[in-house]
Amino acid sequence: AVSAAVARLREAGAVVTEPDARDRRRLRVRPAPELSSRLKEVRATSIDAALAKALGDDDAHRVDEIVGLLEDLARYLSPQALIRLRD
């Protein structure tokens, strides 16, 4: 599953890969030096339309409210929060 995900990211231009110099069986993955046109398109696209479709609710006020809730949740799902969960 990981190999397939990396392949999709490489095809989208999000990452570049290269064989590991120390272990040729391994593949090193790093962010692409420049954003691909596909990534620029995705980042420029608002989540609102997709969220409204997924919710089956095109009420702009309701969608804005849910986006706000998701943004609040994202602030709590920081790496520090994950560390606290492990303790």
N, C-alpha and C. Protein backbone atom coordinates (compact mmCIF):
# COMPACT_ATOMS: atom_id res chain seq x y z
N ALA A 1 0.82 -1.19 0.00
CA ALA A 1 0.00 0.00 0.00
C ALA A 1 0.87 1.26 0.00
N VAL A 2 1.98 1.22 0.74
CA VAL A 2 2.86 2.38 0.80
C VAL A 2 3.50 2.62 -0.56
N SER A 3 3.94 1.57 -1.21
CA SER A 3 4.56 1.72 -2.53
C SER A 3 3.59 2.33 -3.53
N ALA A 4 2.34 1.91 -3.47
CA ALA A 4 1.33 2.45 -4.38
C ALA A 4 1.07 3.93 -4.07
N ALA A 5 1.03 4.28 -2.79
CA ALA A 5 0.81 5.68 -2.42
C ALA A 5 1.97 6.54 -2.88
N VAL A 6 3.20 6.06 -2.70
CA VAL A 6 4.38 6.82 -3.14
C VAL A 6 4.35 6.97 -4.66
N ALA A 7 3.96 5.92 -5.36
CA ALA A 7 3.88 5.99 -6.83
C ALA A 7 2.87 7.05 -7.27
N ARG A 8 1.72 7.10 -6.60
CA ARG A 8 0.71 8.11 -6.95
C ARG A 8 1.23 9.51 -6.66
N LEU A 9 1.91 9.69 -5.53
CA LEU A 9 2.47 11.00 -5.21
C LEU A 9 3.55 11.41 -6.20
N ARG A 10 4.35 10.45 -6.65
CA ARG A 10 5.39 10.73 -7.64
C ARG A 10 4.74 11.12 -8.97
N GLU A 11 3.70 10.39 -9.37
CA GLU A 11 3.00 10.71 -10.62
C GLU A 11 2.35 12.08 -10.57
N ALA A 12 1.89 12.48 -9.38
CA ALA A 12 1.27 13.80 -9.22
C ALA A 12 2.30 14.91 -9.12
N GLY A 13 3.58 14.53 -9.01
CA GLY A 13 4.62 15.54 -8.91
C GLY A 13 4.84 16.06 -7.51
N ALA A 14 4.30 15.35 -6.50
CA ALA A 14 4.44 15.81 -5.12
C ALA A 14 5.77 15.40 -4.50
N VAL A 15 6.32 14.29 -4.96
CA VAL A 15 7.58 13.79 -4.40
C VAL A 15 8.50 13.34 -5.52
N VAL A 16 9.77 13.26 -5.19
CA VAL A 16 10.75 12.64 -6.09
C VAL A 16 11.38 11.48 -5.32
N THR A 17 11.78 10.47 -6.06
CA THR A 17 12.37 9.29 -5.42
C THR A 17 13.73 9.01 -6.04
N GLU A 18 14.55 8.34 -5.25
CA GLU A 18 15.86 7.92 -5.74
C GLU A 18 16.31 6.72 -4.90
N PRO A 19 17.10 5.84 -5.50
CA PRO A 19 17.59 4.71 -4.72
C PRO A 19 18.47 5.18 -3.57
N ASP A 20 18.40 4.49 -2.46
CA ASP A 20 19.25 4.79 -1.31
C ASP A 20 20.67 4.34 -1.64
N ALA A 21 21.64 5.24 -1.52
CA ALA A 21 23.02 4.93 -1.87
C ALA A 21 23.60 3.83 -0.97
N ARG A 22 23.13 3.75 0.26
CA ARG A 22 23.67 2.75 1.20
C ARG A 22 22.98 1.39 1.08
N ASP A 23 21.74 1.40 0.61
CA ASP A 23 20.98 0.14 0.50
C ASP A 23 20.11 0.24 -0.75
N ARG A 24 20.57 -0.34 -1.84
CA ARG A 24 19.90 -0.21 -3.13
C ARG A 24 18.49 -0.82 -3.13
N ARG A 25 18.15 -1.59 -2.12
CA ARG A 25 16.80 -2.15 -2.05
C ARG A 25 15.80 -1.10 -1.59
N ARG A 26 16.30 -0.04 -0.97
CA ARG A 26 15.44 1.02 -0.43
C ARG A 26 15.32 2.18 -1.41
N LEU A 27 14.22 2.88 -1.29
CA LEU A 27 13.96 4.05 -2.13
C LEU A 27 13.81 5.25 -1.21
N ARG A 28 14.55 6.30 -1.48
CA ARG A 28 14.45 7.53 -0.69
C ARG A 28 13.37 8.41 -1.32
N VAL A 29 12.53 8.97 -0.49
CA VAL A 29 11.42 9.81 -0.95
C VAL A 29 11.57 11.17 -0.30
N ARG A 30 11.46 12.22 -1.12
CA ARG A 30 11.51 13.57 -0.57
C ARG A 30 10.54 14.45 -1.35
N PRO A 31 10.14 15.56 -0.74
CA PRO A 31 9.21 16.46 -1.43
C PRO A 31 9.84 16.96 -2.73
N ALA A 32 9.01 17.14 -3.73
CA ALA A 32 9.48 17.68 -5.00
C ALA A 32 9.97 19.11 -4.78
N PRO A 33 11.02 19.53 -5.49
CA PRO A 33 11.55 20.88 -5.29
C PRO A 33 10.56 21.98 -5.69
N GLU A 34 9.69 21.67 -6.63
CA GLU A 34 8.68 22.64 -7.06
C GLU A 34 7.32 21.97 -7.08
N LEU A 35 6.29 22.74 -6.81
CA LEU A 35 4.94 22.20 -6.87
C LEU A 35 4.54 21.91 -8.31
N SER A 36 3.95 20.75 -8.53
CA SER A 36 3.45 20.42 -9.86
C SER A 36 2.17 21.23 -10.12
N SER A 37 1.76 21.29 -11.37
CA SER A 37 0.53 22.01 -11.69
C SER A 37 -0.66 21.36 -11.00
N ARG A 38 -0.64 20.04 -10.86
CA ARG A 38 -1.74 19.34 -10.18
C ARG A 38 -1.80 19.74 -8.70
N LEU A 39 -0.66 19.79 -8.04
CA LEU A 39 -0.65 20.20 -6.63
C LEU A 39 -1.08 21.64 -6.46
N LYS A 40 -0.66 22.50 -7.37
CA LYS A 40 -1.09 23.90 -7.31
C LYS A 40 -2.61 23.99 -7.44
N GLU A 41 -3.15 23.18 -8.34
CA GLU A 41 -4.60 23.16 -8.55
C GLU A 41 -5.33 22.68 -7.30
N VAL A 42 -4.84 21.61 -6.70
CA VAL A 42 -5.46 21.06 -5.50
C VAL A 42 -5.41 22.06 -4.36
N ARG A 43 -4.27 22.69 -4.16
CA ARG A 43 -4.12 23.65 -3.06
C ARG A 43 -4.96 24.90 -3.27
N ALA A 44 -5.23 25.24 -4.52
CA ALA A 44 -6.02 26.44 -4.80
C ALA A 44 -7.53 26.17 -4.74
N THR A 45 -7.90 24.90 -4.71
CA THR A 45 -9.32 24.54 -4.72
C THR A 45 -9.89 24.59 -3.32
N SER A 46 -11.03 25.22 -3.19
CA SER A 46 -11.71 25.30 -1.90
C SER A 46 -12.31 23.95 -1.55
N ILE A 47 -12.29 23.64 -0.30
CA ILE A 47 -12.87 22.39 0.18
C ILE A 47 -14.39 22.49 0.27
N ASP A 48 -14.91 23.70 0.22
CA ASP A 48 -16.33 23.92 0.46
C ASP A 48 -17.24 23.10 -0.46
N ALA A 49 -16.96 23.10 -1.76
CA ALA A 49 -17.83 22.39 -2.70
C ALA A 49 -17.80 20.88 -2.45
N ALA A 50 -16.60 20.35 -2.22
CA ALA A 50 -16.49 18.91 -1.96
C ALA A 50 -17.16 18.55 -0.65
N LEU A 51 -17.01 19.39 0.35
CA LEU A 51 -17.62 19.14 1.65
C LEU A 51 -19.15 19.19 1.54
N ALA A 52 -19.66 20.18 0.83
CA ALA A 52 -21.11 20.28 0.64
C ALA A 52 -21.65 19.05 -0.05
N LYS A 53 -20.95 18.58 -1.05
CA LYS A 53 -21.38 17.38 -1.77
C LYS A 53 -21.35 16.16 -0.86
N ALA A 54 -20.28 16.02 -0.09
CA ALA A 54 -20.16 14.87 0.82
C ALA A 54 -21.25 14.90 1.89
N LEU A 55 -21.60 16.09 2.36
CA LEU A 55 -22.62 16.23 3.40
C LEU A 55 -24.03 16.17 2.85
N GLY A 56 -24.16 16.36 1.53
CA GLY A 56 -25.49 16.44 0.94
C GLY A 56 -26.22 17.69 1.39
N ASP A 57 -25.46 18.75 1.65
CA ASP A 57 -26.02 19.99 2.19
C ASP A 57 -25.29 21.16 1.53
N ASP A 58 -25.99 21.89 0.66
CA ASP A 58 -25.33 23.00 -0.03
C ASP A 58 -25.60 24.36 0.62
N ASP A 59 -26.08 24.34 1.87
CA ASP A 59 -26.29 25.57 2.63
C ASP A 59 -24.92 26.16 2.96
N ALA A 60 -24.58 27.29 2.35
CA ALA A 60 -23.26 27.90 2.51
C ALA A 60 -22.95 28.21 3.98
N HIS A 61 -23.95 28.66 4.73
CA HIS A 61 -23.72 28.96 6.15
C HIS A 61 -23.35 27.69 6.91
N ARG A 62 -24.04 26.62 6.65
CA ARG A 62 -23.76 25.34 7.33
C ARG A 62 -22.38 24.83 6.95
N VAL A 63 -22.03 24.91 5.68
CA VAL A 63 -20.71 24.46 5.22
C VAL A 63 -19.62 25.30 5.89
N ASP A 64 -19.81 26.63 5.96
CA ASP A 64 -18.84 27.49 6.64
C ASP A 64 -18.67 27.09 8.10
N GLU A 65 -19.78 26.77 8.74
CA GLU A 65 -19.74 26.36 10.14
C GLU A 65 -18.92 25.07 10.30
N ILE A 66 -19.13 24.12 9.42
CA ILE A 66 -18.41 22.85 9.50
C ILE A 66 -16.93 23.05 9.18
N VAL A 67 -16.62 23.89 8.21
CA VAL A 67 -15.22 24.19 7.90
C VAL A 67 -14.54 24.78 9.13
N GLY A 68 -15.22 25.68 9.82
CA GLY A 68 -14.68 26.27 11.04
C GLY A 68 -14.42 25.21 12.11
N LEU A 69 -15.34 24.28 12.26
CA LEU A 69 -15.16 23.20 13.23
C LEU A 69 -13.97 22.32 12.86
N LEU A 70 -13.82 22.04 11.58
CA LEU A 70 -12.67 21.23 11.12
C LEU A 70 -11.35 21.97 11.35
N GLU A 71 -11.36 23.29 11.15
CA GLU A 71 -10.15 24.07 11.42
C GLU A 71 -9.80 24.05 12.91
N ASP A 72 -10.83 24.14 13.77
CA ASP A 72 -10.60 24.03 15.21
C ASP A 72 -10.00 22.67 15.55
N LEU A 73 -10.57 21.63 14.99
CA LEU A 73 -10.08 20.27 15.24
C LEU A 73 -8.63 20.13 14.78
N ALA A 74 -8.32 20.69 13.62
CA ALA A 74 -6.95 20.60 13.09
C ALA A 74 -5.95 21.24 14.04
N ARG A 75 -6.34 22.32 14.70
CA ARG A 75 -5.43 22.96 15.66
C ARG A 75 -5.13 22.05 16.84
N TYR A 76 -6.10 21.21 17.21
CA TYR A 76 -5.89 20.30 18.33
C TYR A 76 -5.15 19.03 17.93
N LEU A 77 -5.11 18.73 16.66
CA LEU A 77 -4.44 17.52 16.19
C LEU A 77 -3.00 17.82 15.77
N SER A 78 -2.31 18.51 16.61
CA SER A 78 -0.92 18.87 16.35
C SER A 78 -0.01 17.72 16.76
N PRO A 79 1.24 17.75 16.32
CA PRO A 79 2.19 16.73 16.78
C PRO A 79 2.30 16.68 18.31
N GLN A 80 2.19 17.83 18.96
CA GLN A 80 2.26 17.86 20.42
C GLN A 80 1.08 17.11 21.03
N ALA A 81 -0.10 17.23 20.42
CA ALA A 81 -1.27 16.52 20.93
C ALA A 81 -1.06 15.01 20.81
N LEU A 82 -0.45 14.57 19.73
CA LEU A 82 -0.19 13.15 19.55
C LEU A 82 0.79 12.64 20.58
N ILE A 83 1.76 13.45 20.93
CA ILE A 83 2.73 13.07 21.97
C ILE A 83 2.02 12.92 23.30
N ARG A 84 1.12 13.85 23.60
CA ARG A 84 0.35 13.77 24.85
C ARG A 84 -0.49 12.50 24.89
N LEU A 85 -1.04 12.08 23.76
CA LEU A 85 -1.84 10.86 23.71
C LEU A 85 -1.02 9.63 24.03
N ARG A 86 0.24 9.64 23.64
CA ARG A 86 1.10 8.48 23.86
C ARG A 86 1.57 8.38 25.31
N ASP A 87 1.55 9.49 26.02
CA ASP A 87 2.04 9.48 27.42
C ASP A 87 1.05 8.84 28.36
